[in-house]
Amino acid sequence: MTWRAAALLAAGALTLPAWPAPFVGVAVMTGVVLLLCALDFGLAAPLRGLTVERDGDRCVRLGETATVTLHLHNTSGRTLHARIRDAWVPSAGARPDVPPSRVVHVPPGDETALPSRLTPARRGDRPAVALTVRSLGPLGLAFRQRTGRPPTPPWTLRVLPRFDSRRHLPEKLSRLRVIDGTQVGQGRGAGTEFDTLHEYVPGDDVRSIDWRASARRAEVLVRTWRPERDRRLVCVLDTGRTSAVRLGDEPRLDASIDAALLLTALAARAGDRVDVLAADAVSRTSIIGAERPAQWPRLAHALAPLQPALVETDFQLIAGELLRRHRPRSLVVLLTALEPGALGTGLLPVLPRLAARHRVLVATSQDPVLAALTSTPPRRPRDAYDAAAAWRTLAERDRLTAALARYDVAVVDVPAPRLAPALADAYLRLKSTGRL
């Protein structure tokens, strides 16, 4: 109720002599209540004397909890009795320490802090939507209210990818050290890049004897090799319609991002150059030199807001970008869906040009629904039709895999939880055999 409405009703109640006698008592009570409401409204702390600031976390990893604190500073001459509702998008998972039903008391010239715990349920940017401040009068009969965006710059919490696959990184790095020959093993590691010369010992490969160097010394010298370093790796994320398919609790794109993060971390330790490209019908993001330590936070921040787009992926655009911007031979890892409709009409026509310059590896996560339909015996006629459709889809995927193999394209096709370690294993196999 506004003070103008309360004043008008109170003025009407003062014309009691003109009212019929039965209504005089009701009118008196109504007038008293309205006068109290108008007085209470006038004594409520004005909201123009309230300043609002925020501080706290700007980013958090998916699954973790962030804290954002709202600071209210009462610059008016009256005590602020207020209910505060700090609204965020639902997926931010905001839980204020002070619920909106509680009244906050801020003396004149004083300040109070209202923290909120946020446990986001989705990756990306989670903004604060609106702030509602309701200033109550001393009697609690009337209030002033302001709703809108916070007067400070809008606060956005960036939710970074979960990166559950980082638990596999120590084991993959251990294998990488074996490949590099820096860890004790049965061999010194495969590779084609010269490392050092050492004196021949039983068990060394006689084909690695350096006869020229041995002729100048009294002992026989053997060349040692290590896998090539400073190779080039391009990780391509398909953000088209097939990336929106939910595999369990998350879309396929989240599994692809998790695999890309593990692969980038592993390749950076191996000394290779890593670039990341995300595209569908248009290029979404591009990160150059993601293997450098300073670029790692930028990579996580760049991939965080990526969301699937319900459009067909333009593989001709992706191939053109790769051929134009990556002239030296590279390992191109395409994280997409092994879907005959998308890859058969989009990727296969441009694959000969791409495979002629780069080594291509396609990584995809399997749909658990197909596995369930093909492993469970049908009990109803409808189940039999579903199982037949699932088997047909798997057969088409096998034909597509065979078509990719004709262009010497390796395929990693595993369930979503195993995509990241399987892709890292495929990279290490290529690394150990010198095929990058």
Protein backbone atom coordinates (compact mmCIF):
# COMPACT_ATOMS: atom_id res chain seq x y z
CA MET A 1 0.00 0.00 0.00
CA THR A 2 1.38 3.44 -0.94
CA TRP A 3 1.23 6.47 1.32
CA ARG A 4 -1.08 8.31 -1.13
CA ALA A 5 -3.67 5.53 -1.02
CA ALA A 6 -3.48 5.37 2.76
CA ALA A 7 -3.94 9.14 3.02
CA LEU A 8 -7.00 9.12 0.73
CA LEU A 9 -8.65 6.31 2.68
CA ALA A 10 -7.92 8.05 5.96
CA ALA A 11 -9.46 11.28 4.65
CA GLY A 12 -12.58 9.38 3.67
CA ALA A 13 -12.79 7.88 7.13
CA LEU A 14 -12.75 11.37 8.71
CA THR A 15 -16.13 12.21 7.12
CA LEU A 16 -17.85 10.09 9.78
CA PRO A 17 -20.87 12.41 10.51
CA ALA A 18 -22.19 11.80 7.01
CA TRP A 19 -22.03 8.03 7.37
CA PRO A 20 -24.92 5.84 8.56
CA ALA A 21 -24.70 4.89 12.25
CA PRO A 22 -24.12 1.11 11.76
CA PHE A 23 -20.97 1.81 9.77
CA VAL A 24 -19.43 4.37 12.10
CA GLY A 25 -17.54 1.81 14.23
CA VAL A 26 -16.14 0.03 11.19
CA ALA A 27 -15.14 3.33 9.63
CA VAL A 28 -13.35 4.43 12.79
CA MET A 29 -11.35 1.22 12.95
CA THR A 30 -10.55 1.44 9.25
CA GLY A 31 -9.39 5.02 9.61
CA VAL A 32 -7.15 4.17 12.58
CA VAL A 33 -5.56 1.24 10.71
CA LEU A 34 -5.00 3.33 7.61
CA LEU A 35 -3.44 6.13 9.59
CA LEU A 36 -1.09 3.64 11.26
CA CYS A 37 -0.20 2.21 7.86
CA ALA A 38 0.54 5.67 6.47
CA LEU A 39 2.65 6.50 9.54
CA ASP A 40 4.48 3.18 9.32
CA PHE A 41 5.15 3.73 5.61
CA GLY A 42 6.54 7.16 6.32
CA LEU A 43 8.90 5.83 9.01
CA ALA A 44 10.29 3.02 6.82
CA ALA A 45 13.90 3.62 5.79
CA PRO A 46 14.10 5.12 2.27
CA LEU A 47 15.67 2.86 -0.32
CA ARG A 48 17.42 5.71 -2.11
CA GLY A 49 19.82 5.78 0.83
CA LEU A 50 20.82 2.13 0.32
CA THR A 51 23.98 1.16 -1.55
CA VAL A 52 24.69 -2.41 -2.62
CA GLU A 53 28.02 -4.07 -3.44
CA ARG A 54 29.11 -7.62 -4.15
CA ASP A 55 32.30 -9.56 -3.71
CA GLY A 56 33.32 -13.20 -3.71
CA ASP A 57 34.11 -15.91 -6.24
CA ARG A 58 34.03 -15.16 -9.93
CA CYS A 59 34.48 -18.75 -11.10
CA VAL A 60 34.02 -22.24 -9.72
CA ARG A 61 34.42 -25.75 -11.08
CA LEU A 62 31.22 -27.67 -11.76
CA GLY A 63 30.27 -29.69 -8.69
CA GLU A 64 32.03 -27.35 -6.25
CA THR A 65 30.56 -24.52 -4.14
CA ALA A 66 31.25 -20.80 -4.49
CA THR A 67 30.45 -17.94 -2.12
CA VAL A 68 29.18 -14.53 -3.26
CA THR A 69 28.52 -11.92 -0.57
CA LEU A 70 26.02 -9.07 -0.84
CA HIS A 71 26.98 -5.94 1.16
CA LEU A 72 24.17 -3.55 2.16
CA HIS A 73 25.20 -0.06 3.36
CA ASN A 74 22.47 2.04 4.94
CA THR A 75 23.32 5.71 4.36
CA SER A 76 19.94 7.04 5.54
CA GLY A 77 19.16 8.37 9.01
CA ARG A 78 16.73 5.57 9.87
CA THR A 79 17.25 1.95 10.79
CA LEU A 80 16.63 -0.35 7.88
CA HIS A 81 14.33 -3.29 8.58
CA ALA A 82 14.33 -5.23 5.32
CA ARG A 83 13.67 -8.54 3.68
CA ILE A 84 16.20 -9.28 0.95
CA ARG A 85 15.73 -11.61 -2.01
CA ASP A 86 18.86 -12.04 -4.13
CA ALA A 87 17.65 -13.94 -7.21
CA TRP A 88 19.96 -16.01 -9.42
CA VAL A 89 19.16 -18.25 -12.36
CA PRO A 90 17.85 -21.62 -11.09
CA SER A 91 20.86 -23.58 -12.37
CA ALA A 92 23.17 -21.48 -10.17
CA GLY A 93 21.96 -23.42 -7.12
CA ALA A 94 21.96 -20.35 -4.85
CA ARG A 95 21.35 -20.90 -1.12
CA PRO A 96 21.42 -17.63 0.87
CA ASP A 97 22.61 -17.82 4.47
CA VAL A 98 19.80 -15.41 5.38
CA PRO A 99 16.48 -16.63 3.88
CA PRO A 100 14.14 -14.03 2.33
CA SER A 101 11.63 -14.57 5.14
CA ARG A 102 14.04 -13.20 7.78
CA VAL A 103 14.19 -9.48 8.53
CA VAL A 104 17.62 -7.86 8.34
CA HIS A 105 18.27 -4.89 10.66
CA VAL A 106 20.86 -2.33 9.53
CA PRO A 107 21.37 0.76 11.80
CA PRO A 108 21.93 4.20 10.21
CA GLY A 109 25.38 4.44 8.63
CA ASP A 110 26.08 0.75 9.25
CA GLU A 111 26.66 -2.15 6.86
CA THR A 112 25.72 -5.82 6.80
CA ALA A 113 26.97 -8.77 4.75
CA LEU A 114 24.64 -11.42 3.31
CA PRO A 115 26.61 -14.38 1.87
CA SER A 116 25.10 -16.86 -0.57
CA ARG A 117 26.43 -20.34 -1.32
CA LEU A 118 26.17 -21.37 -4.95
CA THR A 119 26.50 -24.96 -6.16
CA PRO A 120 25.81 -24.75 -9.91
CA ALA A 121 24.18 -27.63 -11.73
CA ARG A 122 25.36 -26.59 -15.21
CA ARG A 123 28.52 -25.40 -16.85
CA GLY A 124 28.72 -21.86 -18.25
CA ASP A 125 27.86 -18.37 -17.01
CA ARG A 126 25.35 -18.13 -14.16
CA PRO A 127 24.29 -14.49 -13.60
CA ALA A 128 22.56 -12.76 -10.71
CA VAL A 129 19.14 -11.89 -12.13
CA ALA A 130 17.52 -9.37 -9.79
CA LEU A 131 17.72 -7.98 -6.28
CA THR A 132 14.54 -7.22 -4.31
CA VAL A 133 14.75 -5.08 -1.17
CA ARG A 134 11.63 -4.60 0.95
CA SER A 135 12.05 -1.90 3.62
CA LEU A 136 9.55 -2.47 6.43
CA GLY A 137 8.16 0.14 8.78
CA PRO A 138 8.68 -0.16 12.57
CA LEU A 139 5.20 -1.68 12.99
CA GLY A 140 5.48 -4.01 10.01
CA LEU A 141 2.21 -2.74 8.52
CA ALA A 142 3.62 -1.10 5.39
CA PHE A 143 6.79 -1.27 3.35
CA ARG A 144 8.77 0.31 0.56
CA GLN A 145 10.06 -2.05 -2.13
CA ARG A 146 12.48 -1.89 -5.02
CA THR A 147 12.96 -4.71 -7.49
CA GLY A 148 15.38 -4.75 -10.34
CA ARG A 149 18.93 -5.45 -11.27
CA PRO A 150 21.52 -4.69 -8.61
CA PRO A 151 22.80 -1.11 -8.76
CA THR A 152 26.35 -2.46 -8.95
CA PRO A 153 27.67 -4.05 -12.19
CA PRO A 154 25.90 -7.40 -12.77
CA TRP A 155 27.69 -10.30 -11.10
CA THR A 156 28.27 -13.41 -13.16
CA LEU A 157 29.67 -16.67 -11.84
CA ARG A 158 31.53 -18.66 -14.48
CA VAL A 159 31.20 -22.41 -13.97
CA LEU A 160 34.24 -24.20 -15.35
CA PRO A 161 34.11 -27.78 -16.71
CA ARG A 162 34.17 -30.53 -14.13
CA PHE A 163 37.38 -32.19 -15.46
CA ASP A 164 36.84 -35.51 -13.67
CA SER A 165 39.39 -37.14 -15.97
CA ARG A 166 42.29 -35.35 -14.27
CA ARG A 167 42.53 -38.37 -11.95
CA HIS A 168 43.91 -40.29 -14.96
CA LEU A 169 46.66 -37.73 -15.60
CA PRO A 170 49.33 -39.20 -13.24
CA GLU A 171 49.03 -42.64 -14.85
CA LYS A 172 49.20 -41.19 -18.38
CA LEU A 173 52.23 -39.08 -17.45
CA SER A 174 53.92 -42.18 -16.09
CA ARG A 175 53.41 -43.91 -19.43
CA LEU A 176 54.68 -40.82 -21.21
CA ARG A 177 57.90 -40.93 -19.17
CA VAL A 178 58.35 -44.57 -20.17
CA ILE A 179 57.93 -43.61 -23.81
CA ASP A 180 60.41 -40.77 -23.44
CA GLY A 181 62.93 -43.18 -21.95
CA THR A 182 63.37 -41.24 -18.72
CA GLN A 183 62.02 -44.04 -16.58
CA VAL A 184 63.69 -47.42 -16.00
CA GLY A 185 62.21 -50.07 -18.26
CA GLN A 186 63.06 -52.77 -20.73
CA GLY A 187 63.90 -50.26 -23.43
CA ARG A 188 64.82 -46.63 -23.89
CA GLY A 189 61.63 -45.76 -25.63
CA ALA A 190 60.64 -45.72 -29.27
CA GLY A 191 60.93 -42.68 -31.45
CA THR A 192 62.61 -41.19 -34.49
CA GLU A 193 64.26 -38.08 -33.00
CA PHE A 194 67.94 -38.40 -32.07
CA ASP A 195 68.66 -38.10 -28.35
CA THR A 196 72.21 -39.08 -27.28
CA LEU A 197 75.10 -41.50 -27.85
CA HIS A 198 76.08 -44.05 -25.24
CA GLU A 199 78.44 -47.00 -25.02
CA TYR A 200 77.06 -50.29 -26.32
CA VAL A 201 75.82 -52.71 -23.65
CA PRO A 202 74.34 -56.18 -24.20
CA GLY A 203 70.69 -55.84 -25.11
CA ASP A 204 71.02 -52.67 -27.21
CA ASP A 205 69.70 -52.79 -30.75
CA VAL A 206 72.67 -53.39 -33.05
CA ARG A 207 70.85 -51.45 -35.78
CA SER A 208 71.34 -48.31 -33.70
CA ILE A 209 75.16 -48.55 -33.66
CA ASP A 210 76.77 -45.35 -34.92
CA TRP A 211 79.72 -46.71 -36.90
CA ARG A 212 81.18 -43.29 -37.71
CA ALA A 213 81.26 -42.21 -34.09
CA SER A 214 82.57 -45.63 -33.04
CA ALA A 215 85.47 -45.36 -35.53
CA ARG A 216 86.73 -42.27 -33.70
CA ARG A 217 86.51 -43.88 -30.27
CA ALA A 218 87.86 -47.02 -28.66
CA GLU A 219 84.38 -48.31 -27.80
CA VAL A 220 81.25 -49.01 -29.79
CA LEU A 221 78.66 -46.21 -29.55
CA VAL A 222 74.92 -46.62 -29.93
CA ARG A 223 72.39 -43.96 -30.85
CA THR A 224 69.38 -43.50 -28.58
CA TRP A 225 66.13 -42.10 -29.80
CA ARG A 226 63.20 -40.38 -28.20
CA PRO A 227 59.71 -39.62 -29.46
CA GLU A 228 59.36 -36.42 -31.41
CA ARG A 229 58.68 -33.30 -29.40
CA ASP A 230 57.18 -30.03 -30.51
CA ARG A 231 54.64 -31.89 -32.63
CA ARG A 232 51.34 -30.21 -33.45
CA LEU A 233 47.95 -31.24 -32.10
CA VAL A 234 44.62 -29.67 -33.07
CA CYS A 235 41.61 -30.59 -30.93
CA VAL A 236 38.28 -29.90 -32.69
CA LEU A 237 35.05 -29.86 -30.66
CA ASP A 238 31.81 -30.41 -32.55
CA THR A 239 29.16 -28.19 -30.94
CA GLY A 240 26.39 -29.03 -33.41
CA ARG A 241 23.11 -30.85 -32.81
CA THR A 242 24.71 -34.24 -32.14
CA SER A 243 26.59 -32.76 -29.18
CA ALA A 244 23.26 -32.04 -27.44
CA VAL A 245 22.42 -35.74 -27.01
CA ARG A 246 22.38 -36.58 -23.32
CA LEU A 247 24.59 -39.49 -22.33
CA GLY A 248 23.45 -40.19 -18.81
CA ASP A 249 23.23 -36.96 -16.83
CA GLU A 250 25.26 -34.72 -19.16
CA PRO A 251 25.26 -33.86 -22.88
CA ARG A 252 27.83 -35.37 -25.20
CA LEU A 253 29.60 -32.00 -25.42
CA ASP A 254 30.56 -32.18 -21.72
CA ALA A 255 32.24 -35.56 -22.24
CA SER A 256 34.10 -34.12 -25.25
CA ILE A 257 35.30 -31.11 -23.24
CA ASP A 258 36.51 -33.38 -20.44
CA ALA A 259 38.47 -35.50 -22.95
CA ALA A 260 39.91 -32.39 -24.61
CA LEU A 261 41.16 -31.05 -21.28
CA LEU A 262 42.94 -34.30 -20.42
CA LEU A 263 44.45 -34.60 -23.89
CA THR A 264 45.65 -30.98 -23.80
CA ALA A 265 47.25 -31.43 -20.38
CA LEU A 266 49.01 -34.61 -21.51
CA ALA A 267 50.22 -33.15 -24.81
CA ALA A 268 51.52 -30.06 -23.01
CA ARG A 269 53.66 -32.26 -20.75
CA ALA A 270 54.90 -34.10 -23.84
CA GLY A 271 56.18 -30.84 -25.31
CA ASP A 272 53.70 -30.72 -28.20
CA ARG A 273 51.94 -27.63 -29.46
CA VAL A 274 48.18 -27.71 -28.88
CA ASP A 275 45.42 -25.67 -30.54
CA VAL A 276 41.72 -26.00 -29.74
CA LEU A 277 38.84 -25.19 -32.10
CA ALA A 278 35.09 -25.39 -31.37
CA ALA A 279 32.63 -25.01 -34.23
CA ASP A 280 29.26 -26.02 -35.65
CA ALA A 281 27.72 -23.92 -38.42
CA VAL A 282 30.11 -21.13 -37.35
CA SER A 283 33.35 -21.05 -35.42
CA ARG A 284 32.58 -20.73 -31.69
CA THR A 285 36.01 -20.37 -30.14
CA SER A 286 39.66 -20.86 -31.05
CA ILE A 287 42.58 -21.13 -28.62
CA ILE A 288 46.09 -21.02 -30.02
CA GLY A 289 49.00 -22.36 -28.01
CA ALA A 290 46.93 -24.00 -25.26
CA GLU A 291 49.96 -25.98 -24.07
CA ARG A 292 51.63 -22.94 -22.51
CA PRO A 293 51.13 -22.68 -18.73
CA ALA A 294 49.65 -19.18 -18.96
CA GLN A 295 47.08 -20.41 -21.49
CA TRP A 296 45.67 -23.25 -19.39
CA PRO A 297 43.24 -21.06 -17.36
CA ARG A 298 42.23 -19.32 -20.57
CA LEU A 299 41.43 -22.69 -22.15
CA ALA A 300 39.13 -23.70 -19.28
CA HIS A 301 37.42 -20.30 -19.34
CA ALA A 302 36.99 -20.40 -23.12
CA LEU A 303 35.40 -23.86 -23.09
CA ALA A 304 33.13 -23.19 -20.09
CA PRO A 305 30.36 -21.19 -21.87
CA LEU A 306 30.17 -23.54 -24.88
CA GLN A 307 26.67 -24.94 -25.34
CA PRO A 308 25.29 -27.28 -28.03
CA ALA A 309 23.65 -25.53 -30.97
CA LEU A 310 20.69 -27.22 -32.65
CA VAL A 311 22.18 -26.83 -36.13
CA GLU A 312 23.97 -29.14 -38.54
CA THR A 313 27.74 -29.01 -38.21
CA ASP A 314 29.51 -27.55 -41.24
CA PHE A 315 32.50 -29.89 -41.66
CA GLN A 316 33.51 -28.06 -44.81
CA LEU A 317 33.99 -24.94 -42.67
CA ILE A 318 36.04 -26.92 -40.14
CA ALA A 319 38.20 -28.49 -42.84
CA GLY A 320 38.76 -25.10 -44.45
CA GLU A 321 39.86 -23.61 -41.12
CA LEU A 322 42.26 -26.50 -40.48
CA LEU A 323 43.80 -26.36 -43.94
CA ARG A 324 44.11 -22.58 -43.89
CA ARG A 325 45.47 -22.05 -40.38
CA HIS A 326 47.41 -25.28 -39.78
CA ARG A 327 49.74 -25.84 -42.70
CA PRO A 328 52.36 -28.10 -41.00
CA ARG A 329 51.31 -31.71 -40.57
CA SER A 330 49.34 -32.10 -37.34
CA LEU A 331 47.28 -34.61 -35.42
CA VAL A 332 43.66 -33.51 -35.80
CA VAL A 333 41.44 -34.95 -33.06
CA LEU A 334 37.77 -34.54 -33.99
CA LEU A 335 35.45 -34.97 -30.99
CA THR A 336 32.04 -35.61 -32.50
CA ALA A 337 29.29 -38.21 -32.79
CA LEU A 338 29.80 -41.26 -34.98
CA GLU A 339 26.52 -40.63 -36.74
CA PRO A 340 26.22 -41.71 -40.39
CA GLY A 341 23.86 -38.87 -41.26
CA ALA A 342 26.17 -36.13 -39.97
CA LEU A 343 29.58 -37.58 -40.85
CA GLY A 344 28.53 -39.40 -44.01
CA THR A 345 27.22 -36.29 -45.75
CA GLY A 346 29.40 -33.74 -44.00
CA LEU A 347 32.84 -35.15 -43.14
CA LEU A 348 33.47 -37.87 -45.74
CA PRO A 349 33.36 -35.51 -48.77
CA VAL A 350 36.08 -33.25 -47.28
CA LEU A 351 38.07 -36.01 -45.59
CA PRO A 352 40.43 -36.79 -48.53
CA ARG A 353 41.81 -33.22 -48.53
CA LEU A 354 42.10 -33.19 -44.76
CA ALA A 355 43.72 -36.64 -44.44
CA ALA A 356 46.21 -35.83 -47.20
CA ARG A 357 47.83 -33.15 -45.05
CA HIS A 358 47.05 -34.14 -41.46
CA ARG A 359 46.65 -37.31 -39.44
CA VAL A 360 43.00 -37.50 -38.35
CA LEU A 361 41.59 -39.21 -35.28
CA VAL A 362 37.83 -39.30 -34.60
CA ALA A 363 36.80 -39.68 -30.95
CA THR A 364 33.18 -40.32 -30.01
CA SER A 365 31.25 -41.38 -26.93
CA GLN A 366 28.71 -44.16 -27.26
CA ASP A 367 25.05 -43.74 -26.42
CA PRO A 368 24.19 -45.98 -23.42
CA VAL A 369 20.63 -46.33 -24.74
CA LEU A 370 21.91 -48.33 -27.73
CA ALA A 371 23.91 -50.62 -25.47
CA ALA A 372 20.87 -51.22 -23.27
CA LEU A 373 18.57 -51.98 -26.22
CA THR A 374 21.01 -54.46 -27.78
CA SER A 375 21.89 -56.25 -24.55
CA THR A 376 18.41 -56.71 -23.07
CA PRO A 377 16.15 -59.43 -24.55
CA PRO A 378 12.89 -57.91 -25.84
CA ARG A 379 9.78 -58.76 -23.84
CA ARG A 380 7.17 -56.96 -25.93
CA PRO A 381 6.74 -56.45 -29.68
CA ARG A 382 7.60 -52.79 -29.23
CA ASP A 383 10.88 -53.76 -27.53
CA ALA A 384 11.75 -55.94 -30.53
CA TYR A 385 11.30 -53.00 -32.89
CA ASP A 386 13.46 -50.79 -30.65
CA ALA A 387 16.18 -53.45 -30.51
CA ALA A 388 16.11 -53.85 -34.29
CA ALA A 389 16.52 -50.10 -34.76
CA ALA A 390 19.43 -50.11 -32.29
CA TRP A 391 21.18 -52.98 -34.13
CA ARG A 392 20.69 -51.16 -37.43
CA THR A 393 22.26 -48.01 -35.96
CA LEU A 394 25.27 -50.00 -34.73
CA ALA A 395 25.66 -51.61 -38.16
CA GLU A 396 25.66 -48.18 -39.81
CA ARG A 397 28.30 -47.01 -37.31
CA ASP A 398 30.46 -50.01 -38.24
CA ARG A 399 30.16 -49.16 -41.93
CA LEU A 400 31.10 -45.56 -41.18
CA THR A 401 34.12 -46.71 -39.16
CA ALA A 402 35.25 -48.86 -42.11
CA ALA A 403 34.83 -45.89 -44.46
CA LEU A 404 36.98 -43.72 -42.17
CA ALA A 405 39.62 -46.45 -41.96
CA ARG A 406 40.06 -46.34 -45.76
CA TYR A 407 41.48 -42.83 -45.28
CA ASP A 408 43.74 -44.05 -42.45
CA VAL A 409 41.55 -42.33 -39.86
CA ALA A 410 41.72 -43.87 -36.39
CA VAL A 411 38.46 -44.09 -34.43
CA VAL A 412 38.03 -44.09 -30.64
CA ASP A 413 34.47 -45.28 -29.90
CA VAL A 414 33.87 -45.94 -26.19
CA PRO A 415 31.27 -45.10 -23.52
CA ALA A 416 31.31 -41.51 -22.28
CA PRO A 417 33.01 -42.20 -18.89
CA ARG A 418 35.93 -43.89 -20.71
CA LEU A 419 36.32 -41.37 -23.55
CA ALA A 420 39.01 -39.21 -21.92
CA PRO A 421 41.41 -42.03 -20.90
CA ALA A 422 40.84 -43.91 -24.17
CA LEU A 423 41.66 -40.82 -26.22
CA ALA A 424 44.80 -40.24 -24.13
CA ASP A 425 45.83 -43.87 -24.75
CA ALA A 426 45.37 -43.43 -28.50
CA TYR A 427 47.56 -40.31 -28.41
CA LEU A 428 50.26 -42.16 -26.48
CA ARG A 429 50.20 -45.03 -28.99
CA LEU A 430 50.72 -42.61 -31.85
CA LYS A 431 53.44 -40.91 -29.84
CA SER A 432 55.30 -44.14 -29.07
CA THR A 433 55.27 -45.31 -32.70
CA GLY A 434 56.35 -41.93 -34.09
CA ARG A 435 53.19 -41.53 -36.18
CA LEU A 436 52.36 -37.97 -35.16
